[in-house]
Structures are given as structure tokens and as C-alpha cells.
């Protein structure tokens, strides 16, 4: 069993399956999610929330507290996890990502895009800028596909464009220092 730790554009390291030895990061703590065998950085003073909707597991790390079932926030990281994506959705995850980005590009500007492969993980990312809820917003999108299990992870960090650079001080470590397990 391998765990993937992303650093500087998704570099990998093998870790033991139990008792993760998570590195300390000043200003952050770790949110360990046993059901995913994963861990994510949470800035001190930020909020965490998890949800389940049909076949989607949702995790949120936000500057503002999310209240209610479909609450909103302006700055934070969202993660949607889709296990057995192709079997449940009837479409190839890479095709879905391509179509998602194409659809997104119709209402937002794609500023940058990239791909990486690490072991069973393929990652696809792009940075976009567009209007969300009447506010110009930058979004850092990161899709990770586990070709071994068919799981699709969709991470996205968003903040108002005028605040993005300041918020990215928190968002970049959250995106670049994450642990996910190759058996999920």
C-alpha cells in the first residue's frame, strides 16, 4: 500500500499504511480522514466540513465557516471524491476532466494548465479566473485519477481575484502537501 504526498507539483514519496508521520507545517494542522486514508493541511483558525451526497464525498477547508447544508464561502479548498468513477458515472474520468475544463473555459479564462503522472496517479490541473456569485474569482483546479482503483479526486482552491495572492499563501501548501492512498 502506498500513500502519495504531493510537494512542488505533485512529487511522490512512499509512506507506511498506518501511523502517518506527517511533517509539521507552521500555521497549519493536519486533518486525517480515515475513510480516505488521507490527510490534508488546515490553516490555523480555518474551518472543516465533510458531506456525503449520493456517490460523492465532499470535504471543505474554508476561511469562513460554512453554515447549513449547502452553505457558501469565498476562500477555501474543496475536495470531491468519486469512488469507482467510470463504473458509477459511465464515463472515463479523463474524458470527464477534459469536458469539465472545456465547459469551464466557456465562462472563465484558463490562465495555466498542466498534467503529471506519479505511480497509479494521473493529475490534471488548471488555473482559471471568472465571475462566481458576482465576484471575480481565481480557482486553482487539481484533478487526480487513481488508475488502479478508478477513484477521481477533484481539489479546488478558490478566492476572490483581488485576494487570491494573499490567500494562496494558505492554499498552495494545502494543494501541494496532501496525502492520498493508492488503495482508495
Protein backbone atom coordinates (compact mmCIF):
# COMPACT_ATOMS: atom_id res chain seq x y z
CA UNK A 1 0.00 0.00 0.00
CA UNK A 2 1.44 3.38 -0.99
CA UNK A 3 0.47 6.86 0.03
CA UNK A 4 1.14 9.85 -2.15
CA UNK A 5 2.41 13.10 -0.68
CA UNK A 6 2.36 15.98 -3.10
CA UNK A 7 5.05 18.60 -2.93
CA UNK A 8 6.16 21.04 -5.59
CA UNK A 9 3.81 20.00 -8.34
CA UNK A 10 2.95 16.50 -7.16
CA UNK A 11 6.20 14.74 -6.31
CA UNK A 12 5.62 11.41 -4.54
CA UNK A 13 7.01 9.57 -1.53
CA UNK A 14 6.06 6.15 -0.22
CA UNK A 15 4.75 6.06 3.33
CA UNK A 16 3.64 3.29 5.65
CA UNK A 17 -0.06 2.45 5.66
CA UNK A 18 -0.62 3.12 9.36
CA UNK A 19 0.54 5.87 11.68
CA UNK A 20 1.32 8.50 9.09
CA UNK A 21 4.32 10.53 10.08
CA UNK A 22 3.03 13.88 8.90
CA UNK A 23 5.51 16.76 8.66
CA UNK A 24 4.89 19.79 10.83
CA UNK A 25 3.97 22.95 8.97
CA UNK A 26 3.87 26.16 10.97
CA UNK A 27 0.45 27.80 10.92
CA UNK A 28 -1.31 24.55 9.96
CA UNK A 29 -2.58 21.32 11.47
CA UNK A 30 -3.44 18.04 9.73
CA UNK A 31 -6.97 16.78 9.09
CA UNK A 32 -6.72 13.00 8.86
CA UNK A 33 -9.63 11.33 7.10
CA UNK A 34 -9.61 7.64 7.93
CA UNK A 35 -12.23 6.62 5.35
CA UNK A 36 -9.97 8.00 2.60
CA UNK A 37 -6.69 7.03 4.27
CA UNK A 38 -5.76 10.65 3.57
CA UNK A 39 -4.58 13.81 5.31
CA UNK A 40 -4.89 17.47 4.37
CA UNK A 41 -3.40 20.66 5.80
CA UNK A 42 -5.77 23.06 7.57
CA UNK A 43 -4.63 26.64 8.27
CA UNK A 44 -4.95 27.56 11.96
CA UNK A 45 -8.32 29.21 12.59
CA UNK A 46 -9.91 27.86 9.39
CA UNK A 47 -12.95 25.58 9.33
CA UNK A 48 -13.51 21.97 8.22
CA UNK A 49 -16.65 20.29 6.99
CA UNK A 50 -17.45 16.97 5.36
CA UNK A 51 -20.56 15.92 3.44
CA UNK A 52 -21.89 12.94 1.52
CA UNK A 53 -24.17 13.46 -1.47
CA UNK A 54 -25.18 10.37 -3.42
CA UNK A 55 -21.86 8.91 -4.63
CA UNK A 56 -19.75 11.99 -3.82
CA UNK A 57 -17.71 12.51 -0.66
CA UNK A 58 -17.16 16.23 -0.05
CA UNK A 59 -14.54 17.86 2.19
CA UNK A 60 -14.11 21.59 2.74
CA UNK A 61 -11.39 23.65 4.40
CA UNK A 62 -12.54 27.26 4.47
CA UNK A 63 -11.59 30.63 5.87
CA UNK A 64 -15.25 31.39 6.56
CA UNK A 65 -17.44 28.95 8.46
CA UNK A 66 -19.89 27.06 6.24
CA UNK A 67 -23.32 27.06 7.81
CA UNK A 68 -26.23 24.90 6.68
CA UNK A 69 -26.34 22.04 4.23
CA UNK A 70 -25.39 23.98 1.10
CA UNK A 71 -23.59 26.90 2.72
CA UNK A 72 -21.22 29.08 0.78
CA UNK A 73 -17.77 30.51 1.30
CA UNK A 74 -15.45 32.80 -0.64
CA UNK A 75 -11.99 31.46 0.27
CA UNK A 76 -11.04 27.85 0.72
CA UNK A 77 -10.33 24.38 -0.55
CA UNK A 78 -13.00 21.93 -1.67
CA UNK A 79 -12.44 18.26 -2.38
CA UNK A 80 -14.92 16.00 -4.11
CA UNK A 81 -14.10 12.28 -4.13
CA UNK A 82 -15.80 9.97 -6.60
CA UNK A 83 -15.00 6.28 -6.00
CA UNK A 84 -15.37 3.90 -8.97
CA UNK A 85 -15.99 6.94 -11.16
CA UNK A 86 -16.31 5.23 -14.52
CA UNK A 87 -18.48 2.37 -13.24
CA UNK A 88 -20.87 4.75 -11.47
CA UNK A 89 -20.88 7.62 -13.98
CA UNK A 90 -20.48 5.68 -17.22
CA UNK A 91 -17.70 7.93 -18.49
CA UNK A 92 -13.93 7.81 -18.43
CA UNK A 93 -12.55 10.16 -15.73
CA UNK A 94 -10.02 11.72 -18.11
CA UNK A 95 -12.79 12.43 -20.63
CA UNK A 96 -14.86 13.97 -17.79
CA UNK A 97 -11.93 16.21 -16.79
CA UNK A 98 -11.39 17.32 -20.39
CA UNK A 99 -15.10 18.08 -20.83
CA UNK A 100 -15.24 19.85 -17.45
CA UNK A 101 -12.34 22.13 -18.38
CA UNK A 102 -13.83 22.80 -21.82
CA UNK A 103 -17.17 23.73 -20.24
CA UNK A 104 -15.44 25.84 -17.61
CA UNK A 105 -13.50 27.72 -20.29
CA UNK A 106 -16.79 28.99 -21.76
CA UNK A 107 -17.41 31.22 -18.71
CA UNK A 108 -13.91 31.66 -17.27
CA UNK A 109 -10.43 32.34 -18.61
CA UNK A 110 -7.96 29.45 -18.34
CA UNK A 111 -4.69 31.04 -17.19
CA UNK A 112 -2.50 27.93 -16.98
CA UNK A 113 -2.81 24.15 -17.30
CA UNK A 114 -0.62 21.11 -16.55
CA UNK A 115 -0.52 17.31 -16.23
CA UNK A 116 1.65 14.92 -14.18
CA UNK A 117 1.87 11.15 -13.61
CA UNK A 118 3.07 9.63 -10.32
CA UNK A 119 2.66 5.85 -9.90
CA UNK A 120 -1.03 5.00 -10.33
CA UNK A 121 -1.98 8.68 -10.09
CA UNK A 122 -2.53 10.98 -13.04
CA UNK A 123 -3.02 14.63 -12.19
CA UNK A 124 -4.56 17.31 -14.35
CA UNK A 125 -4.74 20.92 -13.29
CA UNK A 126 -5.62 24.36 -14.43
CA UNK A 127 -5.86 27.87 -13.02
CA UNK A 128 -8.94 29.84 -14.00
CA UNK A 129 -10.36 33.29 -13.48
CA UNK A 130 -14.04 34.13 -13.83
CA UNK A 131 -17.07 35.52 -12.07
CA UNK A 132 -18.57 33.44 -9.23
CA UNK A 133 -21.59 34.88 -7.44
CA UNK A 134 -20.95 38.28 -9.00
CA UNK A 135 -17.32 38.37 -7.78
CA UNK A 136 -14.20 37.94 -9.92
CA UNK A 137 -12.66 34.73 -8.58
CA UNK A 138 -9.49 32.74 -9.24
CA UNK A 139 -9.67 28.97 -8.89
CA UNK A 140 -6.78 26.50 -8.77
CA UNK A 141 -8.21 23.16 -10.00
CA UNK A 142 -6.45 19.84 -9.40
CA UNK A 143 -7.91 16.52 -10.56
CA UNK A 144 -6.18 13.31 -9.50
CA UNK A 145 -7.19 9.99 -11.04
CA UNK A 146 -6.17 6.73 -9.39
CA UNK A 147 -6.00 4.40 -12.38
CA UNK A 148 -5.66 1.41 -10.05
CA UNK A 149 -9.00 1.95 -8.26
CA UNK A 150 -10.95 4.26 -10.56
CA UNK A 151 -11.24 6.98 -7.91
CA UNK A 152 -11.33 10.59 -9.06
CA UNK A 153 -10.30 13.35 -6.65
CA UNK A 154 -11.20 16.93 -7.53
CA UNK A 155 -9.47 19.58 -5.41
CA UNK A 156 -10.11 23.24 -6.00
CA UNK A 157 -8.89 26.25 -4.09
CA UNK A 158 -10.77 29.49 -4.69
CA UNK A 159 -10.61 33.09 -3.56
CA UNK A 160 -11.70 36.46 -4.92
CA UNK A 161 -9.22 37.57 -7.59
CA UNK A 162 -8.30 40.69 -5.59
CA UNK A 163 -7.40 38.48 -2.59
CA UNK A 164 -6.03 35.41 -4.37
CA UNK A 165 -2.29 36.08 -3.99
CA UNK A 166 -2.70 36.66 -0.25
CA UNK A 167 -4.97 33.59 0.10
CA UNK A 168 -2.62 31.43 -1.98
CA UNK A 169 -0.09 31.68 0.88
CA UNK A 170 -2.52 29.27 2.62
CA UNK A 171 -3.85 27.50 -0.47
CA UNK A 172 -0.56 26.47 -2.01
CA UNK A 173 0.58 24.30 0.93
CA UNK A 174 -2.92 22.79 1.14
CA UNK A 175 -2.75 21.75 -2.54
CA UNK A 176 0.92 20.78 -2.61
CA UNK A 177 1.18 18.94 0.72
CA UNK A 178 -1.56 16.36 0.69
CA UNK A 179 -1.60 12.65 1.36
CA UNK A 180 -3.78 10.23 -0.54
CA UNK A 181 -3.62 6.44 -0.54
CA UNK A 182 -3.31 4.39 -3.72
CA UNK A 183 -5.81 1.77 -2.46
CA UNK A 184 -8.72 4.25 -2.42
